[in-house]
N, C-alpha and C. Protein backbone atom coordinates (compact mmCIF):
# COMPACT_ATOMS: atom_id res chain seq x y z
N MET A 1 247.06 270.61 101.29
CA MET A 1 247.68 269.37 100.82
C MET A 1 248.14 268.53 102.02
N THR A 2 247.90 267.25 101.92
CA THR A 2 248.26 266.33 102.99
C THR A 2 249.76 266.06 102.99
N GLU A 3 250.37 266.12 104.15
CA GLU A 3 251.79 265.82 104.28
C GLU A 3 251.97 264.31 104.42
N ALA A 4 252.93 263.76 103.69
CA ALA A 4 253.20 262.34 103.79
C ALA A 4 254.23 262.08 104.89
N ASN A 5 254.03 261.00 105.64
CA ASN A 5 254.98 260.60 106.67
C ASN A 5 256.15 259.83 106.05
N GLN A 6 255.86 259.20 104.92
CA GLN A 6 256.87 258.37 104.26
C GLN A 6 256.62 258.43 102.76
N GLU A 7 257.69 258.32 101.97
CA GLU A 7 257.54 258.35 100.53
C GLU A 7 258.14 257.10 99.91
N LEU A 8 257.45 256.57 98.92
CA LEU A 8 257.90 255.36 98.23
C LEU A 8 258.05 255.68 96.75
N ASP A 9 259.25 255.44 96.24
CA ASP A 9 259.52 255.66 94.82
C ASP A 9 259.34 254.32 94.10
N ALA A 10 258.24 254.20 93.37
CA ALA A 10 257.95 252.96 92.64
C ALA A 10 258.05 253.20 91.13
N ARG A 11 258.80 254.24 90.74
CA ARG A 11 258.97 254.54 89.32
C ARG A 11 259.69 253.39 88.62
N ASN A 12 259.29 253.17 87.37
CA ASN A 12 259.89 252.13 86.52
C ASN A 12 259.67 250.71 87.04
N LEU A 13 258.73 250.54 87.96
CA LEU A 13 258.37 249.21 88.43
C LEU A 13 257.01 248.86 87.84
N ASN A 14 256.87 247.63 87.37
CA ASN A 14 255.60 247.19 86.81
C ASN A 14 254.83 246.36 87.82
N CYS A 15 253.53 246.26 87.59
CA CYS A 15 252.65 245.45 88.43
C CYS A 15 253.27 244.08 88.65
N PRO A 16 253.18 243.54 89.82
CA PRO A 16 252.52 244.09 91.02
C PRO A 16 253.51 244.75 91.98
N LEU A 17 254.72 245.07 91.51
CA LEU A 17 255.75 245.59 92.42
C LEU A 17 255.38 246.85 93.18
N PRO A 18 254.75 247.87 92.54
CA PRO A 18 254.39 249.06 93.34
C PRO A 18 253.48 248.73 94.52
N ILE A 19 252.52 247.83 94.29
CA ILE A 19 251.61 247.44 95.37
C ILE A 19 252.36 246.66 96.46
N LEU A 20 253.21 245.73 96.05
CA LEU A 20 253.95 244.93 97.03
C LEU A 20 254.85 245.80 97.89
N LYS A 21 255.52 246.77 97.26
CA LYS A 21 256.39 247.67 98.01
C LYS A 21 255.57 248.57 98.94
N ALA A 22 254.42 249.02 98.47
CA ALA A 22 253.55 249.87 99.30
C ALA A 22 253.02 249.08 100.48
N LYS A 23 252.65 247.84 100.23
CA LYS A 23 252.12 246.98 101.30
C LYS A 23 253.17 246.81 102.40
N LYS A 24 254.42 246.59 101.99
CA LYS A 24 255.51 246.41 102.94
C LYS A 24 255.76 247.70 103.72
N ALA A 25 255.78 248.83 103.00
CA ALA A 25 256.04 250.12 103.64
C ALA A 25 254.95 250.48 104.64
N ILE A 26 253.69 250.29 104.23
CA ILE A 26 252.58 250.73 105.09
C ILE A 26 252.44 249.82 106.31
N SER A 27 252.92 248.58 106.19
CA SER A 27 252.81 247.66 107.34
C SER A 27 253.67 248.12 108.52
N SER A 28 254.72 248.90 108.23
CA SER A 28 255.59 249.36 109.32
C SER A 28 255.20 250.74 109.84
N MET A 29 254.11 251.28 109.30
CA MET A 29 253.68 252.62 109.69
C MET A 29 252.59 252.55 110.76
N ALA A 30 252.41 253.65 111.48
CA ALA A 30 251.38 253.73 112.51
C ALA A 30 250.04 254.09 111.87
N SER A 31 248.97 253.72 112.52
CA SER A 31 247.63 254.05 112.05
C SER A 31 247.48 255.56 111.90
N GLY A 32 246.92 256.00 110.78
CA GLY A 32 246.72 257.42 110.55
C GLY A 32 247.85 258.08 109.78
N GLU A 33 248.99 257.39 109.66
CA GLU A 33 250.10 257.95 108.90
C GLU A 33 249.83 257.82 107.40
N VAL A 34 250.50 258.67 106.63
CA VAL A 34 250.24 258.74 105.20
C VAL A 34 251.49 258.36 104.41
N LEU A 35 251.28 257.48 103.43
CA LEU A 35 252.35 257.04 102.54
C LEU A 35 252.12 257.65 101.18
N LYS A 36 253.15 258.32 100.65
CA LYS A 36 253.08 258.86 99.30
C LYS A 36 253.81 257.89 98.37
N ILE A 37 253.15 257.53 97.28
CA ILE A 37 253.74 256.62 96.31
C ILE A 37 253.82 257.33 94.96
N VAL A 38 254.97 257.23 94.31
CA VAL A 38 255.15 257.76 92.97
C VAL A 38 255.42 256.57 92.06
N ALA A 39 254.57 256.38 91.04
CA ALA A 39 254.71 255.25 90.14
C ALA A 39 254.62 255.72 88.68
N THR A 40 255.12 254.90 87.78
CA THR A 40 255.03 255.22 86.36
C THR A 40 254.16 254.22 85.61
N ASP A 41 253.75 253.15 86.26
CA ASP A 41 252.91 252.14 85.63
C ASP A 41 251.45 252.60 85.64
N PRO A 42 250.84 252.81 84.45
CA PRO A 42 249.44 253.26 84.41
C PRO A 42 248.49 252.30 85.12
N GLY A 43 248.85 251.03 85.19
CA GLY A 43 248.02 250.04 85.87
C GLY A 43 247.94 250.27 87.37
N ALA A 44 248.87 251.06 87.90
CA ALA A 44 248.91 251.31 89.34
C ALA A 44 247.67 252.05 89.82
N VAL A 45 247.05 252.85 88.94
CA VAL A 45 245.85 253.62 89.34
C VAL A 45 244.76 252.68 89.83
N LYS A 46 244.41 251.70 89.01
CA LYS A 46 243.38 250.72 89.40
C LYS A 46 243.87 249.85 90.56
N ASP A 47 245.16 249.51 90.53
CA ASP A 47 245.72 248.65 91.58
C ASP A 47 245.60 249.28 92.96
N PHE A 48 245.92 250.59 93.04
CA PHE A 48 245.87 251.23 94.36
C PHE A 48 244.43 251.44 94.82
N GLU A 49 243.50 251.64 93.88
CA GLU A 49 242.08 251.73 94.26
C GLU A 49 241.64 250.40 94.86
N SER A 50 241.99 249.30 94.19
CA SER A 50 241.64 247.97 94.68
C SER A 50 242.32 247.67 96.01
N PHE A 51 243.61 248.02 96.10
CA PHE A 51 244.38 247.79 97.32
C PHE A 51 243.72 248.49 98.50
N ALA A 52 243.32 249.74 98.30
CA ALA A 52 242.68 250.49 99.38
C ALA A 52 241.37 249.82 99.80
N ASN A 53 240.57 249.40 98.82
CA ASN A 53 239.30 248.75 99.13
C ASN A 53 239.50 247.44 99.88
N GLN A 54 240.49 246.68 99.48
CA GLN A 54 240.72 245.36 100.09
C GLN A 54 241.34 245.45 101.47
N THR A 55 242.17 246.47 101.71
CA THR A 55 242.90 246.53 102.98
C THR A 55 242.26 247.46 104.01
N GLY A 56 241.32 248.30 103.57
CA GLY A 56 240.70 249.24 104.49
C GLY A 56 241.50 250.52 104.66
N ASN A 57 242.67 250.60 104.01
CA ASN A 57 243.43 251.84 104.04
C ASN A 57 242.72 252.83 103.12
N GLU A 58 242.93 254.12 103.36
CA GLU A 58 242.20 255.14 102.60
C GLU A 58 243.08 255.77 101.54
N LEU A 59 242.60 255.71 100.30
CA LEU A 59 243.30 256.36 99.20
C LEU A 59 242.85 257.82 99.20
N LEU A 60 243.71 258.71 99.74
CA LEU A 60 243.35 260.12 99.89
C LEU A 60 243.43 260.86 98.58
N GLU A 61 244.40 260.45 97.75
CA GLU A 61 244.64 261.21 96.53
C GLU A 61 245.23 260.30 95.47
N SER A 62 244.82 260.52 94.23
CA SER A 62 245.37 259.79 93.08
C SER A 62 245.46 260.80 91.94
N THR A 63 246.67 261.23 91.62
CA THR A 63 246.84 262.25 90.58
C THR A 63 247.87 261.82 89.55
N GLU A 64 247.75 262.41 88.38
CA GLU A 64 248.70 262.12 87.30
C GLU A 64 249.43 263.41 86.96
N SER A 65 250.75 263.31 86.84
CA SER A 65 251.56 264.47 86.50
C SER A 65 252.60 264.02 85.48
N GLY A 66 252.43 264.46 84.24
CA GLY A 66 253.34 264.00 83.20
C GLY A 66 253.16 262.50 83.01
N ASN A 67 254.23 261.75 83.13
CA ASN A 67 254.16 260.29 83.01
C ASN A 67 254.17 259.60 84.37
N GLU A 68 253.91 260.38 85.42
CA GLU A 68 253.95 259.81 86.76
C GLU A 68 252.58 259.85 87.42
N PHE A 69 252.38 258.89 88.29
CA PHE A 69 251.14 258.80 89.06
C PHE A 69 251.51 258.95 90.53
N HIS A 70 250.78 259.82 91.22
CA HIS A 70 251.06 260.09 92.63
C HIS A 70 249.86 259.64 93.46
N PHE A 71 250.14 258.91 94.52
CA PHE A 71 249.08 258.41 95.39
C PHE A 71 249.40 258.78 96.83
N LEU A 72 248.35 259.10 97.58
CA LEU A 72 248.49 259.29 99.03
C LEU A 72 247.59 258.25 99.68
N LEU A 73 248.20 257.39 100.46
CA LEU A 73 247.50 256.29 101.10
C LEU A 73 247.60 256.44 102.61
N LYS A 74 246.44 256.53 103.26
CA LYS A 74 246.41 256.70 104.71
C LYS A 74 246.17 255.34 105.37
N LYS A 75 247.05 255.01 106.30
CA LYS A 75 246.92 253.70 106.97
C LYS A 75 245.72 253.69 107.90
N ALA A 76 244.95 252.63 107.80
CA ALA A 76 243.74 252.48 108.62
C ALA A 76 244.10 252.27 110.09
């Protein structure tokens, strides 16, 4: 399992807030570092896939656990 350098709690936030918060968090990270995001908005799954494609960051993992979605995003 990949260790995250930073964790972002985006629970109970609706689109586009999880993406905006992740964008802000990852901008302050070094290349190669990993951001873990926990969200409850089902729309976040597609949003983070798109975000990774558009920004060049790598979506390492996208999992669902209960009512939560967990993402690991590696900074390009």
